[in-house]
Amino acid sequence: MFLSEVLLIVVLAIFIPSGFTWMKPHIPKLLGVIMFGVEVSLATQFFTAVSALPGAIFSIIHNLTGVSLANWWGKKEGRSKS
């Protein structure tokens, strides 16, 4: 079910890209969530559960600092253009 929904969204995005432009500012946050999930699932699958902890902590820190820096740089660029 999930795979078919993802494939449908991908096909729609390929053929109707203007319908997905609202998502552009959220891409870094969404990629952070995806990378967090991949790291934790691989770490728990191939290693002990303790090995997933550093990746989980780093992912949270990375998401928070990434969003903060993106907002700060976005505001900084907005001031320099006006």
N, C-alpha and C. Protein backbone atom coordinates (compact mmCIF):
# COMPACT_ATOMS: atom_id res chain seq x y z
N MET A 1 0.82 -1.19 0.00
CA MET A 1 0.00 0.00 0.00
C MET A 1 0.87 1.26 0.00
N PHE A 2 1.82 1.32 0.93
CA PHE A 2 2.68 2.50 1.03
C PHE A 2 3.49 2.70 -0.25
N LEU A 3 4.02 1.61 -0.79
CA LEU A 3 4.83 1.72 -2.01
C LEU A 3 4.01 2.26 -3.18
N SER A 4 2.78 1.81 -3.31
CA SER A 4 1.95 2.29 -4.41
C SER A 4 1.63 3.78 -4.24
N GLU A 5 1.44 4.23 -3.00
CA GLU A 5 1.19 5.66 -2.76
C GLU A 5 2.42 6.49 -3.11
N VAL A 6 3.58 6.01 -2.71
CA VAL A 6 4.82 6.73 -3.02
C VAL A 6 5.04 6.81 -4.52
N LEU A 7 4.84 5.70 -5.22
CA LEU A 7 5.01 5.69 -6.67
C LEU A 7 4.02 6.63 -7.36
N LEU A 8 2.79 6.67 -6.87
CA LEU A 8 1.79 7.58 -7.43
C LEU A 8 2.23 9.03 -7.26
N ILE A 9 2.73 9.37 -6.09
CA ILE A 9 3.19 10.75 -5.83
C ILE A 9 4.38 11.08 -6.70
N VAL A 10 5.30 10.14 -6.87
CA VAL A 10 6.47 10.37 -7.73
C VAL A 10 6.04 10.63 -9.17
N VAL A 11 5.13 9.81 -9.67
CA VAL A 11 4.66 9.99 -11.05
C VAL A 11 3.96 11.34 -11.20
N LEU A 12 3.12 11.70 -10.24
CA LEU A 12 2.46 13.00 -10.29
C LEU A 12 3.48 14.14 -10.26
N ALA A 13 4.50 14.01 -9.43
CA ALA A 13 5.52 15.06 -9.34
C ALA A 13 6.31 15.19 -10.64
N ILE A 14 6.51 14.09 -11.32
CA ILE A 14 7.24 14.14 -12.59
C ILE A 14 6.41 14.84 -13.67
N PHE A 15 5.13 14.50 -13.74
CA PHE A 15 4.29 15.03 -14.81
C PHE A 15 3.61 16.35 -14.48
N ILE A 16 3.44 16.66 -13.19
CA ILE A 16 2.82 17.92 -12.78
C ILE A 16 3.69 18.57 -11.69
N PRO A 17 4.89 19.02 -12.02
CA PRO A 17 5.80 19.55 -11.00
C PRO A 17 5.28 20.82 -10.33
N SER A 18 4.45 21.60 -11.02
CA SER A 18 3.96 22.84 -10.41
C SER A 18 3.08 22.57 -9.19
N GLY A 19 2.50 21.39 -9.10
CA GLY A 19 1.68 21.05 -7.95
C GLY A 19 2.47 20.75 -6.70
N PHE A 20 3.79 20.64 -6.83
CA PHE A 20 4.63 20.29 -5.69
C PHE A 20 5.64 21.37 -5.32
N THR A 21 5.53 22.54 -5.92
CA THR A 21 6.49 23.60 -5.61
C THR A 21 6.35 24.13 -4.18
N TRP A 22 5.17 23.97 -3.58
CA TRP A 22 4.97 24.40 -2.19
C TRP A 22 5.87 23.63 -1.23
N MET A 23 6.35 22.48 -1.66
CA MET A 23 7.15 21.61 -0.79
C MET A 23 8.63 22.00 -0.77
N LYS A 24 9.05 22.85 -1.69
CA LYS A 24 10.47 23.18 -1.84
C LYS A 24 11.13 23.66 -0.55
N PRO A 25 10.54 24.56 0.25
CA PRO A 25 11.22 25.00 1.47
C PRO A 25 11.33 23.91 2.53
N HIS A 26 10.55 22.85 2.40
CA HIS A 26 10.54 21.80 3.43
C HIS A 26 11.46 20.63 3.10
N ILE A 27 12.09 20.65 1.94
CA ILE A 27 12.92 19.52 1.51
C ILE A 27 14.06 19.22 2.49
N PRO A 28 14.83 20.20 2.98
CA PRO A 28 15.90 19.85 3.93
C PRO A 28 15.38 19.18 5.20
N LYS A 29 14.25 19.64 5.70
CA LYS A 29 13.68 19.02 6.91
C LYS A 29 13.24 17.59 6.62
N LEU A 30 12.62 17.38 5.49
CA LEU A 30 12.15 16.05 5.15
C LEU A 30 13.31 15.09 4.90
N LEU A 31 14.36 15.57 4.27
CA LEU A 31 15.54 14.72 4.08
C LEU A 31 16.19 14.35 5.40
N GLY A 32 16.19 15.27 6.34
CA GLY A 32 16.72 14.96 7.67
C GLY A 32 15.93 13.85 8.34
N VAL A 33 14.63 13.89 8.22
CA VAL A 33 13.78 12.85 8.80
C VAL A 33 14.05 11.51 8.12
N ILE A 34 14.16 11.52 6.80
CA ILE A 34 14.42 10.28 6.07
C ILE A 34 15.77 9.69 6.45
N MET A 35 16.80 10.53 6.50
CA MET A 35 18.14 10.04 6.85
C MET A 35 18.17 9.50 8.27
N PHE A 36 17.44 10.14 9.17
CA PHE A 36 17.36 9.65 10.55
C PHE A 36 16.76 8.25 10.56
N GLY A 37 15.67 8.05 9.85
CA GLY A 37 15.02 6.75 9.82
C GLY A 37 15.90 5.67 9.21
N VAL A 38 16.59 6.00 8.14
CA VAL A 38 17.47 5.03 7.49
C VAL A 38 18.63 4.65 8.42
N GLU A 39 19.23 5.62 9.06
CA GLU A 39 20.37 5.35 9.93
C GLU A 39 19.97 4.48 11.10
N VAL A 40 18.88 4.83 11.74
CA VAL A 40 18.46 4.07 12.92
C VAL A 40 18.04 2.65 12.54
N SER A 41 17.32 2.51 11.43
CA SER A 41 16.89 1.16 11.05
C SER A 41 18.07 0.29 10.64
N LEU A 42 19.04 0.86 9.93
CA LEU A 42 20.22 0.07 9.55
C LEU A 42 21.07 -0.27 10.77
N ALA A 43 21.21 0.68 11.68
CA ALA A 43 22.03 0.43 12.86
C ALA A 43 21.43 -0.67 13.73
N THR A 44 20.12 -0.65 13.90
CA THR A 44 19.50 -1.68 14.74
C THR A 44 19.42 -3.02 14.02
N GLN A 45 19.43 -3.00 12.70
CA GLN A 45 19.34 -4.25 11.94
C GLN A 45 20.68 -4.97 11.91
N PHE A 46 21.77 -4.24 11.74
CA PHE A 46 23.07 -4.87 11.55
C PHE A 46 23.98 -4.79 12.77
N PHE A 47 23.64 -3.95 13.73
CA PHE A 47 24.47 -3.79 14.91
C PHE A 47 23.58 -3.85 16.14
N THR A 48 24.15 -3.62 17.30
CA THR A 48 23.34 -3.60 18.51
C THR A 48 22.54 -2.31 18.57
N ALA A 49 21.55 -2.30 19.43
CA ALA A 49 20.69 -1.11 19.54
C ALA A 49 21.46 0.10 20.03
N VAL A 50 22.52 -0.12 20.79
CA VAL A 50 23.33 0.99 21.30
C VAL A 50 24.00 1.74 20.16
N SER A 51 24.31 1.05 19.08
CA SER A 51 24.98 1.71 17.96
C SER A 51 24.06 2.70 17.25
N ALA A 52 22.77 2.59 17.44
CA ALA A 52 21.84 3.54 16.82
C ALA A 52 21.77 4.85 17.59
N LEU A 53 22.19 4.84 18.84
CA LEU A 53 22.05 6.03 19.68
C LEU A 53 22.83 7.24 19.18
N PRO A 54 24.12 7.12 18.83
CA PRO A 54 24.82 8.31 18.33
C PRO A 54 24.19 8.90 17.07
N GLY A 55 23.74 8.05 16.17
CA GLY A 55 23.10 8.54 14.96
C GLY A 55 21.80 9.26 15.26
N ALA A 56 21.04 8.73 16.21
CA ALA A 56 19.78 9.36 16.58
C ALA A 56 20.02 10.72 17.22
N ILE A 57 20.99 10.79 18.10
CA ILE A 57 21.30 12.07 18.77
C ILE A 57 21.82 13.08 17.74
N PHE A 58 22.74 12.65 16.88
CA PHE A 58 23.28 13.55 15.87
C PHE A 58 22.19 14.02 14.92
N SER A 59 21.28 13.11 14.57
CA SER A 59 20.21 13.48 13.65
C SER A 59 19.31 14.56 14.24
N ILE A 60 19.00 14.46 15.51
CA ILE A 60 18.19 15.49 16.17
C ILE A 60 18.94 16.82 16.18
N ILE A 61 20.22 16.78 16.55
CA ILE A 61 21.02 18.01 16.57
C ILE A 61 21.13 18.59 15.16
N HIS A 62 21.35 17.72 14.18
CA HIS A 62 21.49 18.16 12.80
C HIS A 62 20.21 18.82 12.30
N ASN A 63 19.07 18.23 12.61
CA ASN A 63 17.80 18.80 12.17
C ASN A 63 17.56 20.16 12.82
N LEU A 64 17.84 20.29 14.10
CA LEU A 64 17.61 21.56 14.79
C LEU A 64 18.56 22.65 14.29
N THR A 65 19.83 22.34 14.18
CA THR A 65 20.78 23.36 13.73
C THR A 65 20.57 23.69 12.25
N GLY A 66 20.22 22.68 11.44
CA GLY A 66 19.99 22.93 10.02
C GLY A 66 18.82 23.86 9.79
N VAL A 67 17.73 23.62 10.48
CA VAL A 67 16.55 24.48 10.34
C VAL A 67 16.86 25.88 10.86
N SER A 68 17.54 25.95 11.99
CA SER A 68 17.88 27.26 12.56
C SER A 68 18.78 28.06 11.63
N LEU A 69 19.80 27.43 11.09
CA LEU A 69 20.70 28.13 10.18
C LEU A 69 19.99 28.54 8.89
N ALA A 70 19.14 27.66 8.37
CA ALA A 70 18.41 28.00 7.15
C ALA A 70 17.49 29.20 7.38
N ASN A 71 16.82 29.23 8.51
CA ASN A 71 15.97 30.38 8.83
C ASN A 71 16.80 31.65 8.99
N TRP A 72 17.92 31.54 9.67
CA TRP A 72 18.78 32.71 9.93
C TRP A 72 19.34 33.25 8.61
N TRP A 73 19.85 32.33 7.75
CA TRP A 73 20.40 32.77 6.47
C TRP A 73 19.31 33.33 5.57
N GLY A 74 18.10 32.74 5.64
CA GLY A 74 17.00 33.26 4.83
C GLY A 74 16.62 34.67 5.24
N LYS A 75 16.60 34.94 6.54
CA LYS A 75 16.29 36.30 7.01
C LYS A 75 17.41 37.26 6.65
N LYS A 76 18.64 36.77 6.73
CA LYS A 76 19.80 37.61 6.40
C LYS A 76 19.77 38.00 4.92
N GLU A 77 19.44 37.05 4.03
CA GLU A 77 19.35 37.34 2.61
C GLU A 77 18.22 38.31 2.33
N GLY A 78 17.12 38.16 3.03
CA GLY A 78 15.98 39.05 2.84
C GLY A 78 16.32 40.49 3.18
N ARG A 79 17.15 40.71 4.21
CA ARG A 79 17.56 42.06 4.58
C ARG A 79 18.52 42.66 3.56
N SER A 80 19.42 41.82 3.00
CA SER A 80 20.41 42.35 2.07
C SER A 80 19.78 42.69 0.70
N LYS A 81 18.68 42.04 0.34
CA LYS A 81 18.04 42.31 -0.96
C LYS A 81 17.21 43.58 -0.94
N SER A 82 16.73 43.98 0.23
CA SER A 82 15.86 45.15 0.27
C SER A 82 16.61 46.45 0.39
